[in-house]
């Protein structure tokens, strides 16, 4: 059963806000190591913001799963947490300064 109206809109607004927070944390993670990448502070600040960004994208994925299972949102919403999650994971591992 698909819901329409305010219930569907609230789920979408909540997910967009959660993705905005995760996107901001990922932005900070990528911008934190631009001055001197060989300094340990740059790597530490990048990790300090990429870790919570990975956590935030995980929360976004769980919220997406919950709203799709409840029938409030369509299945294409599953695609939204994948890119930020991959970006945060790459910043913690391969692209770390």
N, C-alpha and C. Protein backbone atom coordinates (compact mmCIF):
# COMPACT_ATOMS: atom_id res chain seq x y z
N UNK A 1 0.84 -1.17 0.00
CA UNK A 1 0.00 0.00 0.00
C UNK A 1 0.89 1.24 0.00
N UNK A 2 0.71 2.07 -0.97
CA UNK A 2 1.45 3.32 -1.08
C UNK A 2 0.67 4.44 -0.42
N UNK A 3 1.38 5.26 0.31
CA UNK A 3 0.73 6.42 0.91
C UNK A 3 0.98 7.64 0.05
N UNK A 4 0.08 8.57 0.14
CA UNK A 4 0.20 9.81 -0.61
C UNK A 4 0.00 10.96 0.36
N UNK A 5 0.45 12.11 -0.04
CA UNK A 5 0.20 13.30 0.76
C UNK A 5 1.26 13.57 1.79
N UNK A 6 0.83 14.04 2.97
CA UNK A 6 1.79 14.51 3.99
C UNK A 6 2.75 13.43 4.49
N UNK A 7 2.30 12.20 4.62
CA UNK A 7 3.19 11.15 5.13
C UNK A 7 4.35 10.92 4.17
N UNK A 8 4.06 10.93 2.90
CA UNK A 8 5.10 10.74 1.90
C UNK A 8 6.05 11.94 1.87
N UNK A 9 5.50 13.12 1.99
CA UNK A 9 6.30 14.33 1.94
C UNK A 9 7.21 14.43 3.16
N UNK A 10 6.71 14.08 4.33
CA UNK A 10 7.54 14.13 5.54
C UNK A 10 8.74 13.20 5.44
N UNK A 11 8.53 12.01 4.90
CA UNK A 11 9.64 11.08 4.73
C UNK A 11 10.68 11.62 3.77
N UNK A 12 10.23 12.21 2.69
CA UNK A 12 11.16 12.77 1.71
C UNK A 12 11.92 13.95 2.29
N UNK A 13 11.24 14.81 3.03
CA UNK A 13 11.90 15.97 3.64
C UNK A 13 12.93 15.52 4.67
N UNK A 14 12.60 14.54 5.48
CA UNK A 14 13.54 14.02 6.47
C UNK A 14 14.77 13.43 5.80
N UNK A 15 14.57 12.70 4.72
CA UNK A 15 15.71 12.13 4.03
C UNK A 15 16.56 13.19 3.35
N UNK A 16 15.94 14.20 2.78
CA UNK A 16 16.72 15.27 2.15
C UNK A 16 17.54 16.01 3.19
N UNK A 17 16.98 16.27 4.35
CA UNK A 17 17.74 16.93 5.42
C UNK A 17 18.91 16.06 5.90
N UNK A 18 18.66 14.76 6.04
CA UNK A 18 19.73 13.86 6.47
C UNK A 18 20.84 13.80 5.41
N UNK A 19 20.46 13.79 4.15
CA UNK A 19 21.46 13.79 3.08
C UNK A 19 22.21 15.11 3.02
N UNK A 20 21.56 16.21 3.35
CA UNK A 20 22.24 17.51 3.38
C UNK A 20 23.30 17.53 4.47
N UNK A 21 22.99 16.99 5.64
CA UNK A 21 23.98 16.91 6.72
C UNK A 21 25.16 16.02 6.31
N UNK A 22 24.85 14.87 5.73
CA UNK A 22 25.91 13.97 5.29
C UNK A 22 26.75 14.61 4.19
N UNK A 23 26.11 15.29 3.27
CA UNK A 23 26.84 15.95 2.19
C UNK A 23 27.74 17.06 2.71
N UNK A 24 27.28 17.80 3.70
CA UNK A 24 28.11 18.85 4.29
C UNK A 24 29.32 18.26 5.00
N UNK A 25 29.14 17.16 5.70
CA UNK A 25 30.27 16.51 6.36
C UNK A 25 31.28 15.97 5.35
N UNK A 26 30.78 15.43 4.25
CA UNK A 26 31.68 14.93 3.21
C UNK A 26 32.43 16.10 2.56
N UNK A 27 31.73 17.20 2.34
CA UNK A 27 32.38 18.39 1.81
C UNK A 27 33.51 18.85 2.73
N UNK A 28 33.24 18.89 4.02
CA UNK A 28 34.28 19.28 4.97
C UNK A 28 35.45 18.29 4.98
N UNK A 29 35.15 17.01 4.81
CA UNK A 29 36.21 16.00 4.79
C UNK A 29 37.12 16.20 3.59
N UNK A 30 36.56 16.54 2.45
CA UNK A 30 37.39 16.74 1.26
C UNK A 30 38.10 18.08 1.27
N UNK A 31 37.57 19.07 1.93
CA UNK A 31 38.20 20.38 1.96
C UNK A 31 39.21 20.54 3.09
N UNK A 32 39.25 19.63 4.04
CA UNK A 32 40.10 19.81 5.21
C UNK A 32 41.58 19.55 4.93
N UNK A 33 41.92 18.80 3.93
CA UNK A 33 43.31 18.46 3.71
C UNK A 33 43.95 19.15 2.53
N UNK A 34 43.56 20.37 2.21
CA UNK A 34 44.05 20.99 0.99
C UNK A 34 45.30 21.84 1.18
N UNK A 35 45.64 22.28 2.39
CA UNK A 35 46.77 23.19 2.58
C UNK A 35 48.10 22.47 2.39
N UNK A 36 48.43 21.59 3.27
CA UNK A 36 49.67 20.81 3.19
C UNK A 36 49.34 19.36 3.49
N UNK A 37 49.20 18.54 2.47
CA UNK A 37 48.73 17.16 2.70
C UNK A 37 49.72 16.30 3.46
N UNK A 38 50.97 16.72 3.61
CA UNK A 38 51.94 15.91 4.33
C UNK A 38 51.90 16.13 5.84
N UNK A 39 51.16 17.13 6.28
CA UNK A 39 51.05 17.38 7.72
C UNK A 39 50.06 16.41 8.35
N UNK A 40 50.36 15.91 9.54
CA UNK A 40 49.44 14.96 10.18
C UNK A 40 48.11 15.60 10.59
N UNK A 41 48.09 16.91 10.79
CA UNK A 41 46.83 17.57 11.15
C UNK A 41 45.81 17.49 10.03
N UNK A 42 46.27 17.60 8.79
CA UNK A 42 45.35 17.52 7.65
C UNK A 42 44.70 16.15 7.59
N UNK A 43 45.47 15.11 7.80
CA UNK A 43 44.92 13.75 7.78
C UNK A 43 43.97 13.54 8.94
N UNK A 44 44.29 14.09 10.09
CA UNK A 44 43.43 13.91 11.27
C UNK A 44 42.10 14.63 11.08
N UNK A 45 42.13 15.86 10.58
CA UNK A 45 40.88 16.59 10.38
C UNK A 45 40.02 15.95 9.31
N UNK A 46 40.65 15.39 8.30
CA UNK A 46 39.90 14.69 7.27
C UNK A 46 39.21 13.47 7.84
N UNK A 47 39.91 12.73 8.68
CA UNK A 47 39.31 11.56 9.31
C UNK A 47 38.23 11.91 10.32
N UNK A 48 38.42 13.04 11.01
CA UNK A 48 37.42 13.47 12.00
C UNK A 48 36.09 13.82 11.34
N UNK A 49 36.11 14.29 10.12
CA UNK A 49 34.85 14.63 9.45
C UNK A 49 34.34 13.51 8.56
N UNK A 50 35.24 12.68 8.02
CA UNK A 50 34.79 11.58 7.17
C UNK A 50 34.15 10.45 7.98
N UNK A 51 34.60 10.25 9.21
CA UNK A 51 33.99 9.22 10.06
C UNK A 51 32.53 9.50 10.36
N UNK A 52 32.20 10.68 10.91
CA UNK A 52 30.79 11.00 11.11
C UNK A 52 29.98 11.08 9.81
N UNK A 53 30.64 11.44 8.71
CA UNK A 53 29.94 11.44 7.42
C UNK A 53 29.54 10.03 7.03
N UNK A 54 30.42 9.07 7.27
CA UNK A 54 30.09 7.67 6.98
C UNK A 54 28.96 7.20 7.88
N UNK A 55 28.97 7.61 9.12
CA UNK A 55 27.88 7.29 10.03
C UNK A 55 26.57 7.93 9.57
N UNK A 56 26.64 9.18 9.14
CA UNK A 56 25.43 9.88 8.68
C UNK A 56 24.86 9.24 7.42
N UNK A 57 25.72 8.79 6.52
CA UNK A 57 25.20 8.13 5.32
C UNK A 57 24.61 6.76 5.66
N UNK A 58 25.15 6.12 6.68
CA UNK A 58 24.55 4.87 7.15
C UNK A 58 23.16 5.09 7.72
N UNK A 59 23.00 6.17 8.48
CA UNK A 59 21.68 6.52 9.01
C UNK A 59 20.73 6.85 7.86
N UNK A 60 21.22 7.54 6.84
CA UNK A 60 20.40 7.84 5.67
C UNK A 60 19.94 6.56 4.98
N UNK A 61 20.85 5.59 4.88
CA UNK A 61 20.49 4.32 4.25
C UNK A 61 19.43 3.58 5.07
N UNK A 62 19.56 3.60 6.39
CA UNK A 62 18.55 2.95 7.23
C UNK A 62 17.21 3.65 7.16
N UNK A 63 17.22 4.99 7.14
CA UNK A 63 15.97 5.73 7.00
C UNK A 63 15.33 5.46 5.65
N UNK A 64 16.14 5.37 4.60
CA UNK A 64 15.61 5.07 3.28
C UNK A 64 14.96 3.69 3.28
N UNK A 65 15.65 2.73 3.86
CA UNK A 65 15.10 1.37 3.92
C UNK A 65 13.77 1.37 4.67
N UNK A 66 13.71 2.10 5.78
CA UNK A 66 12.48 2.14 6.58
C UNK A 66 11.33 2.77 5.81
N UNK A 67 11.57 3.88 5.14
CA UNK A 67 10.49 4.55 4.42
C UNK A 67 10.05 3.80 3.18
N UNK A 68 10.97 3.12 2.51
CA UNK A 68 10.58 2.32 1.35
C UNK A 68 9.80 1.10 1.79
N UNK A 69 10.23 0.47 2.90
CA UNK A 69 9.49 -0.69 3.41
C UNK A 69 8.08 -0.32 3.86
N UNK A 70 7.93 0.88 4.42
CA UNK A 70 6.62 1.34 4.87
C UNK A 70 5.73 1.76 3.70
N UNK A 71 6.30 1.87 2.51
CA UNK A 71 5.53 2.25 1.35
C UNK A 71 5.38 3.74 1.17
N UNK A 72 6.14 4.52 1.91
CA UNK A 72 6.03 5.97 1.79
C UNK A 72 6.81 6.51 0.61
N UNK A 73 7.90 5.85 0.25
CA UNK A 73 8.73 6.30 -0.85
C UNK A 73 8.94 5.16 -1.83
N UNK A 74 9.35 5.52 -3.02
CA UNK A 74 9.58 4.51 -4.06
C UNK A 74 10.99 3.93 -3.94
N UNK A 75 11.25 2.86 -4.68
CA UNK A 75 12.52 2.14 -4.58
C UNK A 75 13.71 2.92 -5.11
N UNK A 76 13.52 3.90 -5.96
CA UNK A 76 14.66 4.63 -6.51
C UNK A 76 15.38 5.44 -5.43
N UNK A 77 14.76 5.63 -4.27
CA UNK A 77 15.40 6.33 -3.17
C UNK A 77 16.58 5.53 -2.61
N UNK A 78 16.64 4.24 -2.91
CA UNK A 78 17.79 3.45 -2.47
C UNK A 78 19.09 3.92 -3.12
N UNK A 79 19.00 4.54 -4.27
CA UNK A 79 20.21 4.98 -4.98
C UNK A 79 20.85 6.19 -4.33
N UNK A 80 20.10 6.98 -3.58
CA UNK A 80 20.64 8.21 -3.01
C UNK A 80 21.73 8.01 -1.94
N UNK A 81 21.65 7.04 -1.04
CA UNK A 81 22.72 6.91 -0.04
C UNK A 81 24.01 6.28 -0.59
N UNK A 82 23.97 5.73 -1.77
CA UNK A 82 25.14 5.00 -2.27
C UNK A 82 26.31 5.93 -2.58
N UNK A 83 26.09 7.01 -3.30
CA UNK A 83 27.19 7.91 -3.68
C UNK A 83 27.84 8.60 -2.49
N UNK A 84 27.08 9.20 -1.57
CA UNK A 84 27.75 9.81 -0.41
C UNK A 84 28.48 8.78 0.46
N UNK A 85 27.92 7.60 0.58
CA UNK A 85 28.56 6.55 1.36
C UNK A 85 29.89 6.15 0.72
N UNK A 86 29.90 6.02 -0.58
CA UNK A 86 31.12 5.68 -1.30
C UNK A 86 32.15 6.80 -1.19
N UNK A 87 31.70 8.05 -1.29
CA UNK A 87 32.62 9.19 -1.18
C UNK A 87 33.25 9.26 0.21
N UNK A 88 32.47 9.04 1.25
CA UNK A 88 33.01 9.07 2.62
C UNK A 88 33.97 7.91 2.85
N UNK A 89 33.62 6.74 2.34
CA UNK A 89 34.49 5.58 2.49
C UNK A 89 35.81 5.77 1.75
N UNK A 90 35.75 6.33 0.56
CA UNK A 90 36.97 6.59 -0.19
C UNK A 90 37.85 7.62 0.51
N UNK A 91 37.23 8.62 1.13
CA UNK A 91 38.03 9.65 1.83
C UNK A 91 38.72 9.06 3.05
N UNK A 92 38.10 8.06 3.67
CA UNK A 92 38.73 7.43 4.83
C UNK A 92 39.84 6.46 4.44
N UNK A 93 39.78 5.90 3.23
CA UNK A 93 40.73 4.86 2.86
C UNK A 93 41.68 5.30 1.75
N UNK A 94 41.24 5.27 0.53
CA UNK A 94 42.11 5.47 -0.61
C UNK A 94 42.51 6.94 -0.79
N UNK A 95 41.60 7.85 -0.62
CA UNK A 95 41.86 9.28 -0.88
C UNK A 95 42.24 10.05 0.38
N UNK A 96 42.67 9.37 1.42
CA UNK A 96 43.08 10.06 2.64
C UNK A 96 44.37 10.85 2.38
N UNK A 97 44.47 12.04 2.96
CA UNK A 97 45.68 12.84 2.71
C UNK A 97 46.91 12.26 3.39
